[in-house]
Amino acid sequence: MFSRFSAQSSDANESKILHDERKVEIITATQDLIAEKGFEGLRIRDVADKVGINNATLHYYFKTKEILIEAVVNHIVHELVSTYDPRRSKELVTPADELDAHLRDISYQIIHMPKRFIVLSELLMRSLHEPAIHTILKKTDDDWHAFLVDILQRGVQVGVFHKYLDLNTTSHMIMMLLKGYDLQLNASFEDLDHILDQVRQWVIT
């Protein structure tokens, strides 16, 4: 993610890289603590201790808890969009291929990288009471919704998705299915595969 040091690096560039690496350490520590203890158990002092810095240094990088949480969300989103299911096709020819790849990538991460979704679920529940976190997550949801609508719209236009598909509703439906999977205590990974197969049948002609 970040550039390696080189003999030609200036002091300013080295300082920036160190600065960024320390930020990632803080973000990762915060993510781990939320996954382990829940958002209610998150203490800035614990984050600082986990990274090996004091509170003042942590606040130098993230002046408020809200800014830190936004950075955690952005980091998880970056991980989500840059992690691929190794089994899926690398050639995405049609919007149907794009949708299938997206569903496969998310389901792969739900199974193999559950911590990301535990953290997002914790923040989602907290957002019901904290407007600042609600605002952070809403932007992420809006971006995801727009991404899905774009795929669905192009699929309808080229005839691979049902022409009477309600783009807005279908996008929300896909998001709710994926976000709500962790809340189904008796659901298995096989159930997740069946759910996503059903989604494909709903939208593909």
N, C-alpha and C. Protein backbone atom coordinates (compact mmCIF):
# COMPACT_ATOMS: atom_id res chain seq x y z
N MET A 1 0.82 -1.21 0.00
CA MET A 1 0.00 0.00 0.00
C MET A 1 0.85 1.26 0.00
N PHE A 2 1.95 1.22 0.75
CA PHE A 2 2.80 2.40 0.86
C PHE A 2 4.15 2.13 0.24
N SER A 3 4.77 3.19 -0.21
CA SER A 3 6.06 3.06 -0.89
C SER A 3 7.14 2.57 0.08
N ARG A 4 8.10 1.83 -0.45
CA ARG A 4 9.24 1.40 0.33
C ARG A 4 10.25 2.54 0.42
N PHE A 5 11.08 2.49 1.50
CA PHE A 5 12.14 3.47 1.59
C PHE A 5 13.19 3.21 0.52
N SER A 6 13.81 4.23 0.09
CA SER A 6 14.92 4.06 -0.86
C SER A 6 16.01 5.04 -0.49
N ALA A 7 17.19 4.81 -1.01
CA ALA A 7 18.31 5.69 -0.70
C ALA A 7 18.06 7.10 -1.18
N GLN A 8 17.21 7.24 -2.20
CA GLN A 8 16.96 8.57 -2.76
C GLN A 8 15.83 9.31 -2.04
N SER A 9 15.15 8.64 -1.11
CA SER A 9 14.01 9.27 -0.45
C SER A 9 14.47 10.50 0.32
N SER A 10 13.68 11.55 0.21
CA SER A 10 13.98 12.75 0.97
C SER A 10 13.52 12.57 2.40
N ASP A 11 13.99 13.43 3.31
CA ASP A 11 13.54 13.38 4.70
C ASP A 11 12.04 13.55 4.79
N ALA A 12 11.50 14.41 3.93
CA ALA A 12 10.06 14.67 3.95
C ALA A 12 9.29 13.42 3.56
N ASN A 13 9.76 12.74 2.52
CA ASN A 13 9.08 11.51 2.08
C ASN A 13 9.17 10.42 3.13
N GLU A 14 10.34 10.29 3.75
CA GLU A 14 10.50 9.29 4.80
C GLU A 14 9.56 9.58 5.97
N SER A 15 9.47 10.86 6.32
CA SER A 15 8.57 11.25 7.41
C SER A 15 7.13 10.92 7.06
N LYS A 16 6.73 11.14 5.80
CA LYS A 16 5.37 10.86 5.37
C LYS A 16 5.08 9.36 5.44
N ILE A 17 6.04 8.54 4.99
CA ILE A 17 5.84 7.10 5.00
C ILE A 17 5.71 6.60 6.44
N LEU A 18 6.58 7.06 7.33
CA LEU A 18 6.48 6.68 8.73
C LEU A 18 5.14 7.11 9.31
N HIS A 19 4.75 8.30 8.95
CA HIS A 19 3.47 8.85 9.41
C HIS A 19 2.33 7.94 8.97
N ASP A 20 2.33 7.55 7.72
CA ASP A 20 1.27 6.69 7.19
C ASP A 20 1.30 5.30 7.83
N GLU A 21 2.48 4.75 7.99
CA GLU A 21 2.59 3.42 8.59
C GLU A 21 2.08 3.42 10.02
N ARG A 22 2.37 4.46 10.76
CA ARG A 22 1.87 4.56 12.12
C ARG A 22 0.35 4.69 12.13
N LYS A 23 -0.18 5.43 11.17
CA LYS A 23 -1.64 5.53 11.06
C LYS A 23 -2.26 4.16 10.83
N VAL A 24 -1.67 3.38 9.95
CA VAL A 24 -2.20 2.05 9.67
C VAL A 24 -2.13 1.17 10.92
N GLU A 25 -1.05 1.29 11.69
CA GLU A 25 -0.94 0.54 12.94
C GLU A 25 -2.08 0.89 13.89
N ILE A 26 -2.38 2.17 14.00
CA ILE A 26 -3.45 2.63 14.89
C ILE A 26 -4.80 2.14 14.40
N ILE A 27 -5.02 2.25 13.09
CA ILE A 27 -6.29 1.79 12.50
C ILE A 27 -6.47 0.29 12.73
N THR A 28 -5.42 -0.48 12.48
CA THR A 28 -5.49 -1.93 12.64
C THR A 28 -5.75 -2.31 14.09
N ALA A 29 -5.07 -1.62 15.02
CA ALA A 29 -5.27 -1.90 16.44
C ALA A 29 -6.71 -1.59 16.85
N THR A 30 -7.25 -0.48 16.35
CA THR A 30 -8.63 -0.11 16.66
C THR A 30 -9.59 -1.16 16.11
N GLN A 31 -9.35 -1.59 14.89
CA GLN A 31 -10.18 -2.61 14.26
C GLN A 31 -10.16 -3.90 15.08
N ASP A 32 -8.97 -4.31 15.54
CA ASP A 32 -8.83 -5.54 16.32
C ASP A 32 -9.58 -5.43 17.65
N LEU A 33 -9.48 -4.28 18.31
CA LEU A 33 -10.12 -4.11 19.62
C LEU A 33 -11.64 -4.08 19.49
N ILE A 34 -12.16 -3.46 18.42
CA ILE A 34 -13.61 -3.47 18.21
C ILE A 34 -14.09 -4.89 17.99
N ALA A 35 -13.34 -5.66 17.20
CA ALA A 35 -13.71 -7.05 16.94
C ALA A 35 -13.67 -7.89 18.21
N GLU A 36 -12.71 -7.61 19.09
CA GLU A 36 -12.53 -8.41 20.31
C GLU A 36 -13.51 -8.00 21.41
N LYS A 37 -13.70 -6.68 21.60
CA LYS A 37 -14.43 -6.19 22.77
C LYS A 37 -15.74 -5.49 22.43
N GLY A 38 -16.00 -5.27 21.14
CA GLY A 38 -17.17 -4.50 20.75
C GLY A 38 -16.89 -3.01 20.85
N PHE A 39 -17.76 -2.22 20.22
CA PHE A 39 -17.53 -0.78 20.24
C PHE A 39 -17.63 -0.22 21.65
N GLU A 40 -18.52 -0.77 22.46
CA GLU A 40 -18.69 -0.28 23.83
C GLU A 40 -17.41 -0.45 24.63
N GLY A 41 -16.62 -1.46 24.29
CA GLY A 41 -15.39 -1.72 25.03
C GLY A 41 -14.18 -1.00 24.47
N LEU A 42 -14.38 -0.19 23.44
CA LEU A 42 -13.25 0.50 22.81
C LEU A 42 -12.80 1.69 23.66
N ARG A 43 -11.54 1.69 24.04
CA ARG A 43 -10.94 2.80 24.78
C ARG A 43 -9.70 3.27 24.04
N ILE A 44 -9.59 4.58 23.87
CA ILE A 44 -8.45 5.15 23.16
C ILE A 44 -7.15 4.75 23.84
N ARG A 45 -7.15 4.70 25.16
CA ARG A 45 -5.95 4.30 25.89
C ARG A 45 -5.52 2.89 25.50
N ASP A 46 -6.51 2.01 25.31
CA ASP A 46 -6.19 0.63 24.92
C ASP A 46 -5.58 0.57 23.52
N VAL A 47 -6.09 1.42 22.63
CA VAL A 47 -5.53 1.48 21.28
C VAL A 47 -4.08 1.93 21.33
N ALA A 48 -3.83 2.99 22.10
CA ALA A 48 -2.47 3.51 22.24
C ALA A 48 -1.54 2.45 22.82
N ASP A 49 -2.00 1.75 23.85
CA ASP A 49 -1.18 0.71 24.47
C ASP A 49 -0.87 -0.41 23.48
N LYS A 50 -1.86 -0.78 22.68
CA LYS A 50 -1.67 -1.88 21.71
C LYS A 50 -0.63 -1.51 20.66
N VAL A 51 -0.60 -0.23 20.29
CA VAL A 51 0.36 0.23 19.28
C VAL A 51 1.73 0.52 19.91
N GLY A 52 1.72 0.80 21.25
CA GLY A 52 2.97 1.13 21.92
C GLY A 52 3.29 2.60 21.91
N ILE A 53 2.24 3.43 21.94
CA ILE A 53 2.41 4.88 21.99
C ILE A 53 1.56 5.44 23.13
N ASN A 54 1.70 6.73 23.41
CA ASN A 54 0.86 7.34 24.44
C ASN A 54 -0.34 8.03 23.79
N ASN A 55 -1.27 8.46 24.64
CA ASN A 55 -2.50 9.07 24.12
C ASN A 55 -2.22 10.33 23.30
N ALA A 56 -1.24 11.10 23.74
CA ALA A 56 -0.93 12.35 23.03
C ALA A 56 -0.46 12.07 21.61
N THR A 57 0.36 11.03 21.45
CA THR A 57 0.84 10.67 20.11
C THR A 57 -0.31 10.19 19.24
N LEU A 58 -1.20 9.39 19.84
CA LEU A 58 -2.35 8.92 19.07
C LEU A 58 -3.21 10.09 18.59
N HIS A 59 -3.43 11.05 19.47
CA HIS A 59 -4.25 12.20 19.10
C HIS A 59 -3.55 13.09 18.07
N TYR A 60 -2.24 12.97 17.95
CA TYR A 60 -1.53 13.70 16.90
C TYR A 60 -1.96 13.18 15.53
N TYR A 61 -2.15 11.86 15.44
CA TYR A 61 -2.54 11.25 14.17
C TYR A 61 -4.04 11.33 13.93
N PHE A 62 -4.84 11.16 14.99
CA PHE A 62 -6.30 11.20 14.89
C PHE A 62 -6.83 12.07 16.02
N LYS A 63 -7.22 13.28 15.66
CA LYS A 63 -7.54 14.27 16.69
C LYS A 63 -8.80 13.92 17.48
N THR A 64 -9.73 13.19 16.87
CA THR A 64 -10.95 12.81 17.57
C THR A 64 -11.24 11.33 17.34
N LYS A 65 -12.09 10.77 18.17
CA LYS A 65 -12.48 9.37 18.02
C LYS A 65 -13.26 9.17 16.73
N GLU A 66 -14.07 10.19 16.36
CA GLU A 66 -14.85 10.09 15.13
C GLU A 66 -13.94 10.00 13.90
N ILE A 67 -12.87 10.79 13.89
CA ILE A 67 -11.93 10.75 12.77
C ILE A 67 -11.27 9.38 12.69
N LEU A 68 -10.94 8.81 13.84
CA LEU A 68 -10.35 7.47 13.87
C LEU A 68 -11.32 6.42 13.35
N ILE A 69 -12.57 6.50 13.77
CA ILE A 69 -13.58 5.53 13.31
C ILE A 69 -13.79 5.66 11.80
N GLU A 70 -13.81 6.89 11.29
CA GLU A 70 -13.95 7.08 9.84
C GLU A 70 -12.77 6.44 9.11
N ALA A 71 -11.58 6.56 9.68
CA ALA A 71 -10.41 5.96 9.06
C ALA A 71 -10.51 4.43 9.08
N VAL A 72 -11.05 3.88 10.16
CA VAL A 72 -11.25 2.42 10.25
C VAL A 72 -12.21 1.96 9.16
N VAL A 73 -13.33 2.67 9.02
CA VAL A 73 -14.32 2.31 8.00
C VAL A 73 -13.70 2.39 6.60
N ASN A 74 -12.99 3.47 6.32
CA ASN A 74 -12.37 3.63 5.00
C ASN A 74 -11.35 2.53 4.74
N HIS A 75 -10.63 2.13 5.78
CA HIS A 75 -9.63 1.07 5.63
C HIS A 75 -10.31 -0.26 5.31
N ILE A 76 -11.41 -0.56 6.00
CA ILE A 76 -12.13 -1.80 5.74
C ILE A 76 -12.71 -1.80 4.32
N VAL A 77 -13.27 -0.66 3.91
CA VAL A 77 -13.82 -0.56 2.56
C VAL A 77 -12.72 -0.80 1.53
N HIS A 78 -11.55 -0.23 1.76
CA HIS A 78 -10.43 -0.45 0.85
C HIS A 78 -10.09 -1.94 0.77
N GLU A 79 -10.09 -2.61 1.94
CA GLU A 79 -9.82 -4.05 1.95
C GLU A 79 -10.90 -4.81 1.20
N LEU A 80 -12.15 -4.40 1.37
CA LEU A 80 -13.27 -5.09 0.72
C LEU A 80 -13.17 -5.01 -0.79
N VAL A 81 -12.83 -3.85 -1.31
CA VAL A 81 -12.82 -3.68 -2.77
C VAL A 81 -11.53 -4.18 -3.40
N SER A 82 -10.53 -4.50 -2.59
CA SER A 82 -9.26 -4.96 -3.16
C SER A 82 -8.96 -6.43 -2.85
N THR A 83 -9.95 -7.14 -2.28
CA THR A 83 -9.79 -8.56 -1.98
C THR A 83 -10.71 -9.36 -2.89
N TYR A 84 -10.16 -10.33 -3.60
CA TYR A 84 -10.93 -11.09 -4.57
C TYR A 84 -10.98 -12.57 -4.20
N ASP A 85 -12.11 -13.18 -4.53
CA ASP A 85 -12.23 -14.62 -4.41
C ASP A 85 -11.33 -15.25 -5.47
N PRO A 86 -10.34 -16.04 -5.08
CA PRO A 86 -9.41 -16.62 -6.08
C PRO A 86 -10.09 -17.55 -7.07
N ARG A 87 -11.31 -17.99 -6.76
CA ARG A 87 -11.99 -18.93 -7.65
C ARG A 87 -12.76 -18.24 -8.77
N ARG A 88 -13.00 -16.94 -8.62
CA ARG A 88 -13.85 -16.29 -9.61
C ARG A 88 -13.07 -15.90 -10.86
N SER A 89 -13.82 -15.74 -11.95
CA SER A 89 -13.20 -15.41 -13.23
C SER A 89 -12.58 -14.02 -13.17
N LYS A 90 -11.41 -13.89 -13.76
CA LYS A 90 -10.74 -12.59 -13.78
C LYS A 90 -11.18 -11.74 -14.97
N GLU A 91 -11.87 -12.35 -15.93
CA GLU A 91 -12.35 -11.60 -17.10
C GLU A 91 -13.83 -11.29 -16.90
N LEU A 92 -14.14 -10.02 -16.72
CA LEU A 92 -15.51 -9.58 -16.49
C LEU A 92 -16.02 -8.94 -17.77
N VAL A 93 -16.71 -9.74 -18.57
CA VAL A 93 -17.12 -9.30 -19.90
C VAL A 93 -18.44 -8.54 -19.85
N THR A 94 -19.39 -9.02 -19.08
CA THR A 94 -20.72 -8.42 -19.03
C THR A 94 -21.03 -7.92 -17.63
N PRO A 95 -22.07 -7.09 -17.49
CA PRO A 95 -22.50 -6.68 -16.15
C PRO A 95 -22.89 -7.87 -15.27
N ALA A 96 -23.38 -8.94 -15.87
CA ALA A 96 -23.69 -10.16 -15.11
C ALA A 96 -22.41 -10.74 -14.50
N ASP A 97 -21.32 -10.71 -15.27
CA ASP A 97 -20.03 -11.17 -14.74
C ASP A 97 -19.58 -10.28 -13.58
N GLU A 98 -19.79 -8.97 -13.72
CA GLU A 98 -19.39 -8.03 -12.67
C GLU A 98 -20.17 -8.27 -11.39
N LEU A 99 -21.47 -8.47 -11.52
CA LEU A 99 -22.30 -8.72 -10.35
C LEU A 99 -21.91 -10.04 -9.69
N ASP A 100 -21.70 -11.07 -10.50
CA ASP A 100 -21.31 -12.37 -9.97
C ASP A 100 -19.97 -12.27 -9.24
N ALA A 101 -19.02 -11.54 -9.82
CA ALA A 101 -17.71 -11.38 -9.18
C ALA A 101 -17.85 -10.64 -7.86
N HIS A 102 -18.68 -9.61 -7.83
CA HIS A 102 -18.88 -8.84 -6.60
C HIS A 102 -19.47 -9.72 -5.50
N LEU A 103 -20.49 -10.50 -5.85
CA LEU A 103 -21.11 -11.39 -4.86
C LEU A 103 -20.12 -12.44 -4.36
N ARG A 104 -19.33 -12.97 -5.27
CA ARG A 104 -18.33 -13.98 -4.89
C ARG A 104 -17.26 -13.37 -3.98
N ASP A 105 -16.82 -12.16 -4.32
CA ASP A 105 -15.77 -11.52 -3.52
C ASP A 105 -16.26 -11.26 -2.09
N ILE A 106 -17.49 -10.73 -1.96
CA ILE A 106 -18.02 -10.43 -0.63
C ILE A 106 -18.25 -11.71 0.17
N SER A 107 -18.82 -12.73 -0.46
CA SER A 107 -19.08 -13.98 0.27
C SER A 107 -17.76 -14.64 0.68
N TYR A 108 -16.74 -14.56 -0.17
CA TYR A 108 -15.42 -15.11 0.17
C TYR A 108 -14.87 -14.43 1.42
N GLN A 109 -15.04 -13.12 1.50
CA GLN A 109 -14.53 -12.39 2.66
C GLN A 109 -15.36 -12.64 3.91
N ILE A 110 -16.66 -12.80 3.76
CA ILE A 110 -17.50 -13.14 4.91
C ILE A 110 -17.02 -14.44 5.55
N ILE A 111 -16.63 -15.39 4.70
CA ILE A 111 -16.19 -16.70 5.20
C ILE A 111 -14.76 -16.64 5.74
N HIS A 112 -13.87 -15.98 5.02
CA HIS A 112 -12.44 -16.04 5.35
C HIS A 112 -11.91 -14.83 6.10
N MET A 113 -12.60 -13.70 6.07
CA MET A 113 -12.16 -12.50 6.78
C MET A 113 -13.31 -11.93 7.63
N PRO A 114 -13.85 -12.73 8.54
CA PRO A 114 -15.05 -12.32 9.27
C PRO A 114 -14.86 -11.08 10.15
N LYS A 115 -13.62 -10.81 10.56
CA LYS A 115 -13.37 -9.68 11.45
C LYS A 115 -13.86 -8.36 10.84
N ARG A 116 -13.70 -8.21 9.54
CA ARG A 116 -14.15 -6.98 8.86
C ARG A 116 -15.63 -6.75 9.08
N PHE A 117 -16.40 -7.81 9.01
CA PHE A 117 -17.85 -7.69 9.10
C PHE A 117 -18.32 -7.59 10.55
N ILE A 118 -17.55 -8.18 11.45
CA ILE A 118 -17.84 -8.00 12.88
C ILE A 118 -17.71 -6.52 13.24
N VAL A 119 -16.63 -5.90 12.78
CA VAL A 119 -16.39 -4.48 13.08
C VAL A 119 -17.49 -3.62 12.46
N LEU A 120 -17.82 -3.87 11.19
CA LEU A 120 -18.86 -3.08 10.54
C LEU A 120 -20.21 -3.27 11.23
N SER A 121 -20.52 -4.48 11.68
CA SER A 121 -21.78 -4.73 12.39
C SER A 121 -21.81 -3.97 13.71
N GLU A 122 -20.68 -3.97 14.42
CA GLU A 122 -20.60 -3.22 15.68
C GLU A 122 -20.84 -1.73 15.44
N LEU A 123 -20.22 -1.20 14.39
CA LEU A 123 -20.38 0.23 14.09
C LEU A 123 -21.79 0.53 13.62
N LEU A 124 -22.39 -0.41 12.88
CA LEU A 124 -23.76 -0.21 12.42
C LEU A 124 -24.71 -0.09 13.60
N MET A 125 -24.57 -0.95 14.58
CA MET A 125 -25.43 -0.88 15.76
C MET A 125 -25.20 0.42 16.52
N ARG A 126 -23.95 0.83 16.60
CA ARG A 126 -23.64 2.08 17.31
C ARG A 126 -24.19 3.29 16.57
N SER A 127 -24.26 3.20 15.25
CA SER A 127 -24.73 4.33 14.45
C SER A 127 -26.19 4.69 14.74
N LEU A 128 -26.93 3.76 15.34
CA LEU A 128 -28.33 4.04 15.69
C LEU A 128 -28.43 5.10 16.77
N HIS A 129 -27.33 5.29 17.51
CA HIS A 129 -27.34 6.24 18.63
C HIS A 129 -26.33 7.38 18.46
N GLU A 130 -25.41 7.23 17.51
CA GLU A 130 -24.38 8.26 17.33
C GLU A 130 -24.45 8.80 15.90
N PRO A 131 -24.95 10.02 15.73
CA PRO A 131 -25.09 10.61 14.40
C PRO A 131 -23.79 10.65 13.60
N ALA A 132 -22.67 10.87 14.28
CA ALA A 132 -21.39 10.97 13.56
C ALA A 132 -21.05 9.65 12.87
N ILE A 133 -21.26 8.54 13.56
CA ILE A 133 -20.98 7.23 12.97
C ILE A 133 -22.02 6.92 11.89
N HIS A 134 -23.25 7.32 12.12
CA HIS A 134 -24.30 7.15 11.10
C HIS A 134 -23.91 7.83 9.80
N THR A 135 -23.38 9.03 9.90
CA THR A 135 -22.97 9.80 8.72
C THR A 135 -21.85 9.08 7.98
N ILE A 136 -20.88 8.54 8.73
CA ILE A 136 -19.75 7.83 8.12
C ILE A 136 -20.24 6.61 7.35
N LEU A 137 -21.10 5.81 7.99
CA LEU A 137 -21.58 4.58 7.36
C LEU A 137 -22.54 4.86 6.21
N LYS A 138 -23.32 5.93 6.33
CA LYS A 138 -24.28 6.25 5.27
C LYS A 138 -23.54 6.57 3.97
N LYS A 139 -22.43 7.28 4.07
CA LYS A 139 -21.66 7.59 2.85
C LYS A 139 -21.16 6.29 2.20
N THR A 140 -20.69 5.36 3.02
CA THR A 140 -20.23 4.08 2.50
C THR A 140 -21.38 3.33 1.82
N ASP A 141 -22.54 3.32 2.48
CA ASP A 141 -23.71 2.65 1.91
C ASP A 141 -24.16 3.32 0.61
N ASP A 142 -24.13 4.64 0.58
CA ASP A 142 -24.53 5.37 -0.63
C ASP A 142 -23.63 5.02 -1.80
N ASP A 143 -22.33 4.92 -1.53
CA ASP A 143 -21.37 4.56 -2.58
C ASP A 143 -21.60 3.13 -3.07
N TRP A 144 -21.85 2.22 -2.14
CA TRP A 144 -22.11 0.82 -2.49
C TRP A 144 -23.39 0.71 -3.30
N HIS A 145 -24.42 1.42 -2.87
CA HIS A 145 -25.70 1.42 -3.58
C HIS A 145 -25.53 1.92 -5.01
N ALA A 146 -24.81 3.02 -5.17
CA ALA A 146 -24.58 3.58 -6.51
C ALA A 146 -23.79 2.61 -7.39
N PHE A 147 -22.83 1.91 -6.80
CA PHE A 147 -22.04 0.91 -7.52
C PHE A 147 -22.94 -0.21 -8.06
N LEU A 148 -23.84 -0.70 -7.21
CA LEU A 148 -24.74 -1.77 -7.62
C LEU A 148 -25.75 -1.30 -8.66
N VAL A 149 -26.30 -0.11 -8.46
CA VAL A 149 -27.26 0.43 -9.42
C VAL A 149 -26.62 0.56 -10.80
N ASP A 150 -25.37 1.00 -10.84
CA ASP A 150 -24.67 1.15 -12.12
C ASP A 150 -24.54 -0.20 -12.83
N ILE A 151 -24.16 -1.25 -12.09
CA ILE A 151 -24.05 -2.58 -12.70
C ILE A 151 -25.41 -3.06 -13.20
N LEU A 152 -26.43 -2.90 -12.36
CA LEU A 152 -27.77 -3.37 -12.72
C LEU A 152 -28.31 -2.62 -13.93
N GLN A 153 -28.09 -1.32 -13.95
CA GLN A 153 -28.60 -0.49 -15.06
C GLN A 153 -27.95 -0.90 -16.38
N ARG A 154 -26.65 -1.10 -16.37
CA ARG A 154 -25.96 -1.52 -17.59
C ARG A 154 -26.40 -2.93 -18.01
N GLY A 155 -26.67 -3.77 -17.01
CA GLY A 155 -27.14 -5.12 -17.33
C GLY A 155 -28.50 -5.13 -17.99
N VAL A 156 -29.38 -4.25 -17.52
CA VAL A 156 -30.71 -4.12 -18.14
C VAL A 156 -30.57 -3.60 -19.56
N GLN A 157 -29.69 -2.62 -19.75
CA GLN A 157 -29.52 -2.00 -21.06
C GLN A 157 -29.02 -2.99 -22.12
N VAL A 158 -28.16 -3.92 -21.71
CA VAL A 158 -27.62 -4.88 -22.70
C VAL A 158 -28.40 -6.18 -22.71
N GLY A 159 -29.45 -6.28 -21.88
CA GLY A 159 -30.34 -7.42 -21.94
C GLY A 159 -29.95 -8.64 -21.15
N VAL A 160 -28.97 -8.52 -20.23
CA VAL A 160 -28.59 -9.70 -19.42
C VAL A 160 -29.36 -9.74 -18.10
N PHE A 161 -29.98 -8.61 -17.70
CA PHE A 161 -30.82 -8.56 -16.52
C PHE A 161 -32.27 -8.29 -16.95
N HIS A 162 -33.22 -8.71 -16.12
CA HIS A 162 -34.62 -8.50 -16.44
C HIS A 162 -34.91 -7.03 -16.70
N LYS A 163 -35.65 -6.76 -17.78
CA LYS A 163 -35.86 -5.37 -18.19
C LYS A 163 -36.77 -4.59 -17.25
N TYR A 164 -37.57 -5.28 -16.44
CA TYR A 164 -38.46 -4.60 -15.51
C TYR A 164 -37.87 -4.54 -14.09
N LEU A 165 -36.58 -4.81 -13.99
CA LEU A 165 -35.93 -4.79 -12.69
C LEU A 165 -35.99 -3.39 -12.08
N ASP A 166 -36.41 -3.31 -10.81
CA ASP A 166 -36.36 -2.04 -10.08
C ASP A 166 -34.94 -1.89 -9.53
N LEU A 167 -34.18 -0.99 -10.14
CA LEU A 167 -32.75 -0.89 -9.83
C LEU A 167 -32.51 -0.50 -8.37
N ASN A 168 -33.25 0.48 -7.89
CA ASN A 168 -33.07 0.96 -6.52
C ASN A 168 -33.40 -0.13 -5.51
N THR A 169 -34.55 -0.77 -5.69
CA THR A 169 -34.99 -1.81 -4.76
C THR A 169 -34.07 -3.02 -4.79
N THR A 170 -33.66 -3.43 -5.99
CA THR A 170 -32.79 -4.60 -6.11
C THR A 170 -31.44 -4.34 -5.47
N SER A 171 -30.91 -3.13 -5.65
CA SER A 171 -29.64 -2.78 -5.03
C SER A 171 -29.75 -2.85 -3.51
N HIS A 172 -30.83 -2.27 -2.96
CA HIS A 172 -31.03 -2.31 -1.51
C HIS A 172 -31.19 -3.76 -1.03
N MET A 173 -31.88 -4.57 -1.82
CA MET A 173 -32.11 -5.96 -1.44
C MET A 173 -30.79 -6.71 -1.32
N ILE A 174 -29.90 -6.52 -2.30
CA ILE A 174 -28.60 -7.19 -2.27
C ILE A 174 -27.80 -6.75 -1.05
N MET A 175 -27.82 -5.44 -0.78
CA MET A 175 -27.09 -4.92 0.37
C MET A 175 -27.64 -5.49 1.67
N MET A 176 -28.96 -5.56 1.79
CA MET A 176 -29.56 -6.07 3.02
C MET A 176 -29.25 -7.54 3.22
N LEU A 177 -29.27 -8.31 2.14
CA LEU A 177 -28.95 -9.73 2.25
C LEU A 177 -27.52 -9.94 2.75
N LEU A 178 -26.58 -9.21 2.18
CA LEU A 178 -25.19 -9.39 2.56
C LEU A 178 -24.90 -8.84 3.95
N LYS A 179 -25.47 -7.68 4.26
CA LYS A 179 -25.23 -7.09 5.59
C LYS A 179 -25.93 -7.87 6.69
N GLY A 180 -27.07 -8.49 6.36
CA GLY A 180 -27.84 -9.18 7.37
C GLY A 180 -27.43 -10.62 7.60
N TYR A 181 -26.52 -11.13 6.77
CA TYR A 181 -26.15 -12.55 6.89
C TYR A 181 -25.63 -12.87 8.30
N ASP A 182 -24.76 -12.01 8.84
CA ASP A 182 -24.15 -12.27 10.14
C ASP A 182 -25.18 -12.29 11.27
N LEU A 183 -26.34 -11.69 11.04
CA LEU A 183 -27.36 -11.64 12.08
C LEU A 183 -28.20 -12.91 12.14
N GLN A 184 -28.04 -13.76 11.13
CA GLN A 184 -28.77 -15.03 11.11
C GLN A 184 -27.94 -16.09 11.83
N LEU A 185 -28.29 -16.33 13.08
CA LEU A 185 -27.44 -17.17 13.93
C LEU A 185 -27.38 -18.62 13.47
N ASN A 186 -28.41 -19.07 12.77
CA ASN A 186 -28.43 -20.47 12.34
C ASN A 186 -28.05 -20.65 10.88
N ALA A 187 -27.53 -19.59 10.26
CA ALA A 187 -27.17 -19.66 8.84
C ALA A 187 -25.78 -20.27 8.68
N SER A 188 -25.61 -21.07 7.64
CA SER A 188 -24.32 -21.69 7.34
C SER A 188 -23.73 -21.03 6.10
N PHE A 189 -22.48 -21.36 5.81
CA PHE A 189 -21.86 -20.82 4.61
C PHE A 189 -22.53 -21.39 3.36
N GLU A 190 -23.04 -22.62 3.47
CA GLU A 190 -23.79 -23.18 2.35
C GLU A 190 -25.06 -22.38 2.10
N ASP A 191 -25.70 -21.91 3.18
CA ASP A 191 -26.89 -21.07 3.04
C ASP A 191 -26.54 -19.78 2.29
N LEU A 192 -25.37 -19.23 2.60
CA LEU A 192 -24.94 -18.01 1.92
C LEU A 192 -24.81 -18.25 0.42
N ASP A 193 -24.23 -19.36 0.03
CA ASP A 193 -24.12 -19.69 -1.39
C ASP A 193 -25.50 -19.79 -2.04
N HIS A 194 -26.44 -20.43 -1.35
CA HIS A 194 -27.79 -20.58 -1.89
C HIS A 194 -28.48 -19.22 -2.02
N ILE A 195 -28.26 -18.35 -1.02
CA ILE A 195 -28.86 -17.01 -1.06
C ILE A 195 -28.36 -16.24 -2.28
N LEU A 196 -27.05 -16.29 -2.51
CA LEU A 196 -26.48 -15.55 -3.63
C LEU A 196 -26.88 -16.16 -4.97
N ASP A 197 -27.04 -17.48 -5.02
CA ASP A 197 -27.56 -18.11 -6.23
C ASP A 197 -28.97 -17.62 -6.53
N GLN A 198 -29.77 -17.44 -5.46
CA GLN A 198 -31.14 -16.96 -5.64
C GLN A 198 -31.14 -15.53 -6.18
N VAL A 199 -30.19 -14.72 -5.68
CA VAL A 199 -30.07 -13.34 -6.18
C VAL A 199 -29.78 -13.35 -7.68
N ARG A 200 -28.88 -14.21 -8.09
CA ARG A 200 -28.54 -14.29 -9.52
C ARG A 200 -29.79 -14.67 -10.35
N GLN A 201 -30.58 -15.60 -9.84
CA GLN A 201 -31.77 -16.01 -10.56
C GLN A 201 -32.81 -14.89 -10.64
N TRP A 202 -32.86 -14.06 -9.60
CA TRP A 202 -33.82 -12.95 -9.59
C TRP A 202 -33.49 -11.92 -10.67
N VAL A 203 -32.22 -11.66 -10.88
CA VAL A 203 -31.86 -10.53 -11.73
C VAL A 203 -31.47 -10.92 -13.15
N ILE A 204 -30.94 -12.15 -13.34
CA ILE A 204 -30.44 -12.52 -14.66
C ILE A 204 -31.55 -13.13 -15.50
N THR A 205 -31.64 -12.72 -16.74
CA THR A 205 -32.69 -13.23 -17.64
C THR A 205 -32.40 -14.68 -17.99
